[in-house]
Amino acid sequence: MILFRLQQPLAKPKIAFVTNRDSINIAKITPAIKPKVAIVTNIAWNIYNFRRNLACAIREAGYEPVLMAAPDKYADKLIEEGWVHRGGY
């Protein structure tokens, strides 16, 4: 028997029971969400030169690294490499 929670806003959570013979793929019902880890510095240069290896290790561990820094020319380099960059504060 498989157990999962139905999402209903502003209501008590309800539990639904699904038996094996129903053959419902739980992964399609509740997709996996990667937890996020923020790396915050004052400028993107710092992340590019000193924290990229840390971001790689975080990604390899199954988390989603989010890089946060004031935008500069290194922020563009991080975005070109495929990193999620949140800047502009």
C-alpha atoms as a PDB file:
ATOM      1  CA  MET A   1       0.000   0.000   0.000  1.00  0.00           C
ATOM      2  CA  ILE A   2       1.304   3.458  -0.931  1.00  0.00           C
ATOM      3  CA  LEU A   3       0.479   6.567   1.077  1.00  0.00           C
ATOM      4  CA  PHE A   4       0.630  10.162  -0.131  1.00  0.00           C
ATOM      5  CA  ARG A   5      -0.769  13.538   0.925  1.00  0.00           C
ATOM      6  CA  LEU A   6      -3.267  15.460  -1.221  1.00  0.00           C
ATOM      7  CA  GLN A   7      -2.625  19.195  -1.466  1.00  0.00           C
ATOM      8  CA  GLN A   8      -5.593  21.366  -0.494  1.00  0.00           C
ATOM      9  CA  PRO A   9      -5.000  24.979   0.527  1.00  0.00           C
ATOM     10  CA  LEU A  10      -6.575  26.226   3.780  1.00  0.00           C
ATOM     11  CA  ALA A  11      -7.926  22.786   4.651  1.00  0.00           C
ATOM     12  CA  LYS A  12      -6.811  19.899   6.798  1.00  0.00           C
ATOM     13  CA  PRO A  13      -4.474  17.623   4.875  1.00  0.00           C
ATOM     14  CA  LYS A  14      -6.161  14.461   3.689  1.00  0.00           C
ATOM     15  CA  ILE A  15      -4.493  11.138   3.217  1.00  0.00           C
ATOM     16  CA  ALA A  16      -5.262   9.015   0.171  1.00  0.00           C
ATOM     17  CA  PHE A  17      -4.566   5.308   0.011  1.00  0.00           C
ATOM     18  CA  VAL A  18      -3.499   3.668  -3.231  1.00  0.00           C
ATOM     19  CA  THR A  19      -3.141  -0.081  -3.496  1.00  0.00           C
ATOM     20  CA  ASN A  20      -0.512  -1.767  -5.621  1.00  0.00           C
ATOM     21  CA  ARG A  21      -3.104  -3.047  -8.061  1.00  0.00           C
ATOM     22  CA  ASP A  22      -4.066   0.538  -8.962  1.00  0.00           C
ATOM     23  CA  SER A  23      -0.588   0.895 -10.541  1.00  0.00           C
ATOM     24  CA  ILE A  24      -0.277   4.639 -10.095  1.00  0.00           C
ATOM     25  CA  ASN A  25       3.186   6.095 -10.453  1.00  0.00           C
ATOM     26  CA  ILE A  26       3.729   8.233  -7.359  1.00  0.00           C
ATOM     27  CA  ALA A  27       6.630  10.077  -9.056  1.00  0.00           C
ATOM     28  CA  LYS A  28       4.159  11.539 -11.534  1.00  0.00           C
ATOM     29  CA  ILE A  29       1.832  12.666  -8.747  1.00  0.00           C
ATOM     30  CA  THR A  30       4.482  14.229  -6.518  1.00  0.00           C
ATOM     31  CA  PRO A  31       7.599  15.107  -8.526  1.00  0.00           C
ATOM     32  CA  ALA A  32      10.868  15.288  -6.638  1.00  0.00           C
ATOM     33  CA  ILE A  33      11.817  18.808  -5.626  1.00  0.00           C
ATOM     34  CA  LYS A  34      15.477  19.494  -5.015  1.00  0.00           C
ATOM     35  CA  PRO A  35      16.200  21.478  -1.877  1.00  0.00           C
ATOM     36  CA  LYS A  36      18.009  24.749  -2.592  1.00  0.00           C
ATOM     37  CA  VAL A  37      21.198  26.025  -0.994  1.00  0.00           C
ATOM     38  CA  ALA A  38      22.063  29.710  -1.365  1.00  0.00           C
ATOM     39  CA  ILE A  39      25.637  30.945  -1.640  1.00  0.00           C
ATOM     40  CA  VAL A  40      25.567  34.671  -0.881  1.00  0.00           C
ATOM     41  CA  THR A  41      28.462  37.087  -1.374  1.00  0.00           C
ATOM     42  CA  ASN A  42      28.791  40.801  -1.984  1.00  0.00           C
ATOM     43  CA  ILE A  43      30.067  40.454  -5.601  1.00  0.00           C
ATOM     44  CA  ALA A  44      29.895  37.665  -8.187  1.00  0.00           C
ATOM     45  CA  TRP A  45      33.685  37.778  -8.587  1.00  0.00           C
ATOM     46  CA  ASN A  46      33.973  36.144  -5.160  1.00  0.00           C
ATOM     47  CA  ILE A  47      31.685  33.258  -6.151  1.00  0.00           C
ATOM     48  CA  TYR A  48      33.412  32.796  -9.505  1.00  0.00           C
ATOM     49  CA  ASN A  49      36.903  32.638  -8.017  1.00  0.00           C
ATOM     50  CA  PHE A  50      36.341  31.044  -4.609  1.00  0.00           C
ATOM     51  CA  ARG A  51      32.932  29.334  -4.329  1.00  0.00           C
ATOM     52  CA  ARG A  52      32.408  27.572  -7.685  1.00  0.00           C
ATOM     53  CA  ASN A  53      33.892  24.316  -6.374  1.00  0.00           C
ATOM     54  CA  LEU A  54      31.549  24.489  -3.392  1.00  0.00           C
ATOM     55  CA  ALA A  55      28.595  25.010  -5.750  1.00  0.00           C
ATOM     56  CA  CYS A  56      29.701  21.971  -7.783  1.00  0.00           C
ATOM     57  CA  ALA A  57      29.868  19.844  -4.634  1.00  0.00           C
ATOM     58  CA  ILE A  58      26.406  21.042  -3.579  1.00  0.00           C
ATOM     59  CA  ARG A  59      25.009  20.119  -7.011  1.00  0.00           C
ATOM     60  CA  GLU A  60      26.667  16.678  -6.914  1.00  0.00           C
ATOM     61  CA  ALA A  61      25.135  16.068  -3.460  1.00  0.00           C
ATOM     62  CA  GLY A  62      21.652  16.439  -4.975  1.00  0.00           C
ATOM     63  CA  TYR A  63      20.862  20.007  -3.997  1.00  0.00           C
ATOM     64  CA  GLU A  64      20.204  23.010  -6.224  1.00  0.00           C
ATOM     65  CA  PRO A  65      22.777  25.753  -5.590  1.00  0.00           C
ATOM     66  CA  VAL A  66      21.502  29.311  -6.026  1.00  0.00           C
ATOM     67  CA  LEU A  67      24.230  31.928  -6.324  1.00  0.00           C
ATOM     68  CA  MET A  68      23.358  35.367  -4.959  1.00  0.00           C
ATOM     69  CA  ALA A  69      25.581  38.399  -5.474  1.00  0.00           C
ATOM     70  CA  ALA A  70      25.582  41.893  -6.867  1.00  0.00           C
ATOM     71  CA  PRO A  71      25.857  41.707 -10.662  1.00  0.00           C
ATOM     72  CA  ASP A  72      29.208  42.343 -12.320  1.00  0.00           C
ATOM     73  CA  LYS A  73      31.019  40.894 -15.338  1.00  0.00           C
ATOM     74  CA  TYR A  74      31.565  37.621 -13.459  1.00  0.00           C
ATOM     75  CA  ALA A  75      27.818  37.188 -12.975  1.00  0.00           C
ATOM     76  CA  ASP A  76      27.527  36.896 -16.763  1.00  0.00           C
ATOM     77  CA  LYS A  77      30.248  34.232 -16.745  1.00  0.00           C
ATOM     78  CA  LEU A  78      28.370  32.248 -14.077  1.00  0.00           C
ATOM     79  CA  ILE A  79      25.160  32.404 -16.103  1.00  0.00           C
ATOM     80  CA  GLU A  80      27.028  31.287 -19.247  1.00  0.00           C
ATOM     81  CA  GLU A  81      28.264  28.256 -17.301  1.00  0.00           C
ATOM     82  CA  GLY A  82      24.665  27.365 -16.435  1.00  0.00           C
ATOM     83  CA  TRP A  83      24.482  28.469 -12.815  1.00  0.00           C
ATOM     84  CA  VAL A  84      21.345  30.006 -11.327  1.00  0.00           C
ATOM     85  CA  HIS A  85      22.309  33.548 -10.357  1.00  0.00           C
ATOM     86  CA  ARG A  86      20.079  35.912  -8.425  1.00  0.00           C
ATOM     87  CA  GLY A  87      21.535  39.385  -8.249  1.00  0.00           C
ATOM     88  CA  GLY A  88      20.613  43.012  -8.340  1.00  0.00           C
ATOM     89  CA  TYR A  89      20.323  44.007  -4.726  1.00  0.00           C
END
